[in-house]
């Protein structure tokens, strides 16, 4: 995932605060911390990953607060939740959503973003061939990453 720079992260954080004000929700330090972790992470973090990051920073944020804040972030449209078949969700900033897909390692859970111009052009054509009007899509490719294959087979 392409990491957002500090300015982009700050802009998303301000948009989140605005969303909270508009919906008469309190703007708390804990909500800000959770949002910052999601907005500035290089990974697609799970709830546990977010809690671990906060703990590593010396911050104490309850599990219920993390879940509620993530729900608010998703509802605001600033964060997108993904379910990659692991039994839990992972989160990424919506600003990182510009036309990309995901490769997911079934062994280690690593998620790699990619974009491919020909794929983007081809998907609406495929939909049209089957009588669908293309509105949106999501491509997730599951397999085994290079690092996991190297662990099993040695250098590739």
C-alpha atoms as a PDB file:
ATOM      1  CA  UNK A   1       0.000   0.000   0.000  1.00  0.00           C
ATOM      2  CA  UNK A   2       1.305   3.424  -0.822  1.00  0.00           C
ATOM      3  CA  UNK A   3       1.786   5.290   2.418  1.00  0.00           C
ATOM      4  CA  UNK A   4       0.033   8.634   2.670  1.00  0.00           C
ATOM      5  CA  UNK A   5       2.315  11.545   3.419  1.00  0.00           C
ATOM      6  CA  UNK A   6       1.762  13.544   6.598  1.00  0.00           C
ATOM      7  CA  UNK A   7      -0.192  16.256   4.788  1.00  0.00           C
ATOM      8  CA  UNK A   8      -2.620  13.725   3.265  1.00  0.00           C
ATOM      9  CA  UNK A   9      -2.998  12.003   6.645  1.00  0.00           C
ATOM     10  CA  UNK A  10      -3.627  15.341   8.355  1.00  0.00           C
ATOM     11  CA  UNK A  11      -6.232  16.254   5.724  1.00  0.00           C
ATOM     12  CA  UNK A  12      -8.062  12.956   6.260  1.00  0.00           C
ATOM     13  CA  UNK A  13      -7.906  13.432  10.027  1.00  0.00           C
ATOM     14  CA  UNK A  14      -9.436  16.904   9.682  1.00  0.00           C
ATOM     15  CA  UNK A  15     -12.182  15.480   7.429  1.00  0.00           C
ATOM     16  CA  UNK A  16     -12.870  12.836  10.094  1.00  0.00           C
ATOM     17  CA  UNK A  17     -13.156  15.506  12.789  1.00  0.00           C
ATOM     18  CA  UNK A  18     -15.539  17.470  10.548  1.00  0.00           C
ATOM     19  CA  UNK A  19     -17.625  14.325  10.040  1.00  0.00           C
ATOM     20  CA  UNK A  20     -17.811  13.813  13.802  1.00  0.00           C
ATOM     21  CA  UNK A  21     -18.883  17.441  14.389  1.00  0.00           C
ATOM     22  CA  UNK A  22     -21.527  17.226  11.659  1.00  0.00           C
ATOM     23  CA  UNK A  23     -22.935  14.080  13.272  1.00  0.00           C
ATOM     24  CA  UNK A  24     -22.726  15.509  16.789  1.00  0.00           C
ATOM     25  CA  UNK A  25     -20.185  12.900  17.885  1.00  0.00           C
ATOM     26  CA  UNK A  26     -17.433  13.673  20.385  1.00  0.00           C
ATOM     27  CA  UNK A  27     -13.941  14.255  19.051  1.00  0.00           C
ATOM     28  CA  UNK A  28     -11.744  12.326  21.455  1.00  0.00           C
ATOM     29  CA  UNK A  29      -8.023  11.734  21.733  1.00  0.00           C
ATOM     30  CA  UNK A  30      -8.575   7.970  21.355  1.00  0.00           C
ATOM     31  CA  UNK A  31     -10.567   8.398  18.131  1.00  0.00           C
ATOM     32  CA  UNK A  32      -7.849  10.661  16.749  1.00  0.00           C
ATOM     33  CA  UNK A  33      -5.178   8.088  17.627  1.00  0.00           C
ATOM     34  CA  UNK A  34      -7.027   5.229  15.901  1.00  0.00           C
ATOM     35  CA  UNK A  35      -7.629   7.368  12.810  1.00  0.00           C
ATOM     36  CA  UNK A  36      -3.965   8.422  12.684  1.00  0.00           C
ATOM     37  CA  UNK A  37      -2.793   4.803  12.811  1.00  0.00           C
ATOM     38  CA  UNK A  38      -5.061   3.838   9.907  1.00  0.00           C
ATOM     39  CA  UNK A  39      -4.299   6.934   7.838  1.00  0.00           C
ATOM     40  CA  UNK A  40      -0.514   6.657   8.188  1.00  0.00           C
ATOM     41  CA  UNK A  41       0.016   2.891   8.054  1.00  0.00           C
ATOM     42  CA  UNK A  42       1.750   1.198   5.150  1.00  0.00           C
ATOM     43  CA  UNK A  43      -0.290  -1.947   5.739  1.00  0.00           C
ATOM     44  CA  UNK A  44      -3.906  -3.006   5.596  1.00  0.00           C
ATOM     45  CA  UNK A  45      -4.255  -3.239   9.355  1.00  0.00           C
ATOM     46  CA  UNK A  46      -6.635  -5.431  11.310  1.00  0.00           C
ATOM     47  CA  UNK A  47      -8.131  -4.364  14.643  1.00  0.00           C
ATOM     48  CA  UNK A  48      -5.365  -6.331  16.359  1.00  0.00           C
ATOM     49  CA  UNK A  49      -2.739  -4.621  14.218  1.00  0.00           C
ATOM     50  CA  UNK A  50      -4.148  -1.230  15.161  1.00  0.00           C
ATOM     51  CA  UNK A  51      -4.139  -2.135  18.871  1.00  0.00           C
ATOM     52  CA  UNK A  52      -0.555  -3.401  18.591  1.00  0.00           C
ATOM     53  CA  UNK A  53       0.566  -0.175  16.909  1.00  0.00           C
ATOM     54  CA  UNK A  54      -1.115   1.915  19.598  1.00  0.00           C
ATOM     55  CA  UNK A  55       0.432  -0.214  22.350  1.00  0.00           C
ATOM     56  CA  UNK A  56       3.882   0.128  20.734  1.00  0.00           C
ATOM     57  CA  UNK A  57       3.392   3.904  20.890  1.00  0.00           C
ATOM     58  CA  UNK A  58       2.535   3.652  24.594  1.00  0.00           C
ATOM     59  CA  UNK A  59      -1.129   4.533  24.033  1.00  0.00           C
ATOM     60  CA  UNK A  60      -4.018   2.824  25.809  1.00  0.00           C
ATOM     61  CA  UNK A  61      -7.162   2.569  23.719  1.00  0.00           C
ATOM     62  CA  UNK A  62      -9.864   0.032  24.536  1.00  0.00           C
ATOM     63  CA  UNK A  63     -10.926  -2.607  22.037  1.00  0.00           C
ATOM     64  CA  UNK A  64     -14.511  -1.325  21.944  1.00  0.00           C
ATOM     65  CA  UNK A  65     -13.231   2.188  21.152  1.00  0.00           C
ATOM     66  CA  UNK A  66     -11.111   0.820  18.287  1.00  0.00           C
ATOM     67  CA  UNK A  67     -14.116  -1.017  16.797  1.00  0.00           C
ATOM     68  CA  UNK A  68     -16.473   1.960  17.208  1.00  0.00           C
ATOM     69  CA  UNK A  69     -13.936   4.356  15.713  1.00  0.00           C
ATOM     70  CA  UNK A  70     -13.372   2.071  12.723  1.00  0.00           C
ATOM     71  CA  UNK A  71     -17.140   1.917  12.169  1.00  0.00           C
ATOM     72  CA  UNK A  72     -17.239   5.731  12.190  1.00  0.00           C
ATOM     73  CA  UNK A  73     -14.294   5.948   9.794  1.00  0.00           C
ATOM     74  CA  UNK A  74     -15.940   3.508   7.372  1.00  0.00           C
ATOM     75  CA  UNK A  75     -19.322   5.263   7.672  1.00  0.00           C
ATOM     76  CA  UNK A  76     -17.612   8.593   6.922  1.00  0.00           C
ATOM     77  CA  UNK A  77     -16.207   7.167   3.675  1.00  0.00           C
ATOM     78  CA  UNK A  78     -12.628   7.946   4.742  1.00  0.00           C
ATOM     79  CA  UNK A  79     -11.643   4.324   5.354  1.00  0.00           C
ATOM     80  CA  UNK A  80     -12.499   1.145   3.501  1.00  0.00           C
ATOM     81  CA  UNK A  81     -12.868  -2.241   5.172  1.00  0.00           C
ATOM     82  CA  UNK A  82     -11.750  -5.399   3.374  1.00  0.00           C
ATOM     83  CA  UNK A  83     -12.487  -9.022   4.145  1.00  0.00           C
ATOM     84  CA  UNK A  84      -9.765 -11.184   2.639  1.00  0.00           C
ATOM     85  CA  UNK A  85     -11.163 -14.506   3.890  1.00  0.00           C
ATOM     86  CA  UNK A  86      -9.159 -14.503   7.116  1.00  0.00           C
ATOM     87  CA  UNK A  87     -12.114 -14.206   9.491  1.00  0.00           C
ATOM     88  CA  UNK A  88     -11.450 -10.526  10.270  1.00  0.00           C
ATOM     89  CA  UNK A  89     -11.446  -7.194   8.487  1.00  0.00           C
ATOM     90  CA  UNK A  90      -8.510  -5.082   7.405  1.00  0.00           C
ATOM     91  CA  UNK A  91      -8.649  -1.332   6.889  1.00  0.00           C
ATOM     92  CA  UNK A  92      -7.071   1.198   4.537  1.00  0.00           C
ATOM     93  CA  UNK A  93      -7.554   4.927   3.955  1.00  0.00           C
ATOM     94  CA  UNK A  94     -10.004   5.806   1.201  1.00  0.00           C
ATOM     95  CA  UNK A  95      -7.455   8.216  -0.280  1.00  0.00           C
ATOM     96  CA  UNK A  96      -5.430   5.130  -1.202  1.00  0.00           C
ATOM     97  CA  UNK A  97      -8.359   3.707  -3.158  1.00  0.00           C
ATOM     98  CA  UNK A  98      -7.456   5.139  -6.529  1.00  0.00           C
ATOM     99  CA  UNK A  99      -7.899   2.224  -8.928  1.00  0.00           C
ATOM    100  CA  UNK A 100      -5.966  -0.571  -7.312  1.00  0.00           C
ATOM    101  CA  UNK A 101      -6.506  -4.239  -6.653  1.00  0.00           C
ATOM    102  CA  UNK A 102      -5.081  -6.683  -4.108  1.00  0.00           C
ATOM    103  CA  UNK A 103      -2.831  -9.747  -4.058  1.00  0.00           C
ATOM    104  CA  UNK A 104      -3.330 -11.710  -0.817  1.00  0.00           C
ATOM    105  CA  UNK A 105      -0.920 -14.356   0.492  1.00  0.00           C
ATOM    106  CA  UNK A 106      -2.888 -17.270   1.914  1.00  0.00           C
ATOM    107  CA  UNK A 107       0.027 -18.276   4.154  1.00  0.00           C
ATOM    108  CA  UNK A 108       1.288 -15.094   5.833  1.00  0.00           C
ATOM    109  CA  UNK A 109      -1.630 -12.743   5.097  1.00  0.00           C
ATOM    110  CA  UNK A 110       0.511 -10.195   3.281  1.00  0.00           C
ATOM    111  CA  UNK A 111      -1.523  -7.831   1.087  1.00  0.00           C
ATOM    112  CA  UNK A 112       0.062  -6.191  -1.936  1.00  0.00           C
ATOM    113  CA  UNK A 113      -1.678  -3.508  -3.941  1.00  0.00           C
ATOM    114  CA  UNK A 114      -1.318  -3.351  -7.691  1.00  0.00           C
ATOM    115  CA  UNK A 115      -2.864  -1.534 -10.588  1.00  0.00           C
ATOM    116  CA  UNK A 116      -2.879  -2.482 -14.221  1.00  0.00           C
ATOM    117  CA  UNK A 117      -4.167  -0.178 -16.930  1.00  0.00           C
ATOM    118  CA  UNK A 118      -5.236  -2.970 -19.306  1.00  0.00           C
ATOM    119  CA  UNK A 119      -7.144  -4.740 -16.530  1.00  0.00           C
ATOM    120  CA  UNK A 120      -9.010  -1.520 -15.711  1.00  0.00           C
ATOM    121  CA  UNK A 121      -9.995  -1.131 -19.374  1.00  0.00           C
ATOM    122  CA  UNK A 122     -10.921  -4.787 -19.748  1.00  0.00           C
ATOM    123  CA  UNK A 123     -13.320  -5.148 -16.802  1.00  0.00           C
ATOM    124  CA  UNK A 124     -16.052  -2.826 -18.176  1.00  0.00           C
ATOM    125  CA  UNK A 125     -15.763  -4.576 -21.550  1.00  0.00           C
ATOM    126  CA  UNK A 126     -16.224  -7.986 -19.896  1.00  0.00           C
ATOM    127  CA  UNK A 127     -19.237  -6.707 -17.980  1.00  0.00           C
ATOM    128  CA  UNK A 128     -20.752  -5.321 -21.178  1.00  0.00           C
ATOM    129  CA  UNK A 129     -20.241  -8.643 -22.988  1.00  0.00           C
ATOM    130  CA  UNK A 130     -22.422 -10.256 -20.327  1.00  0.00           C
ATOM    131  CA  UNK A 131     -25.086  -7.540 -20.383  1.00  0.00           C
ATOM    132  CA  UNK A 132     -23.932  -5.744 -17.223  1.00  0.00           C
ATOM    133  CA  UNK A 133     -23.433  -2.037 -16.827  1.00  0.00           C
ATOM    134  CA  UNK A 134     -20.092  -1.679 -15.021  1.00  0.00           C
ATOM    135  CA  UNK A 135     -20.273   0.527 -11.937  1.00  0.00           C
ATOM    136  CA  UNK A 136     -17.474  -0.689  -9.737  1.00  0.00           C
ATOM    137  CA  UNK A 137     -15.303  -3.715  -9.202  1.00  0.00           C
ATOM    138  CA  UNK A 138     -12.935  -5.378  -6.804  1.00  0.00           C
ATOM    139  CA  UNK A 139     -10.203  -7.788  -7.838  1.00  0.00           C
ATOM    140  CA  UNK A 140      -8.544  -9.950  -5.206  1.00  0.00           C
ATOM    141  CA  UNK A 141      -5.993 -12.564  -6.231  1.00  0.00           C
ATOM    142  CA  UNK A 142      -5.191 -15.211  -3.621  1.00  0.00           C
ATOM    143  CA  UNK A 143      -1.994 -17.210  -3.679  1.00  0.00           C
ATOM    144  CA  UNK A 144       1.409 -17.537  -2.027  1.00  0.00           C
ATOM    145  CA  UNK A 145       3.851 -14.627  -1.909  1.00  0.00           C
ATOM    146  CA  UNK A 146       7.500 -14.855  -2.920  1.00  0.00           C
ATOM    147  CA  UNK A 147       8.739 -14.769   0.698  1.00  0.00           C
ATOM    148  CA  UNK A 148       6.571 -17.741   1.714  1.00  0.00           C
ATOM    149  CA  UNK A 149       7.582 -19.700  -1.386  1.00  0.00           C
ATOM    150  CA  UNK A 150      11.244 -19.003  -0.650  1.00  0.00           C
ATOM    151  CA  UNK A 151      10.819 -20.319   2.886  1.00  0.00           C
ATOM    152  CA  UNK A 152       9.554 -23.610   1.464  1.00  0.00           C
ATOM    153  CA  UNK A 153      11.725 -23.960  -1.632  1.00  0.00           C
ATOM    154  CA  UNK A 154      14.794 -21.866  -0.985  1.00  0.00           C
ATOM    155  CA  UNK A 155      15.839 -18.927  -3.185  1.00  0.00           C
ATOM    156  CA  UNK A 156      13.781 -18.596  -6.368  1.00  0.00           C
END
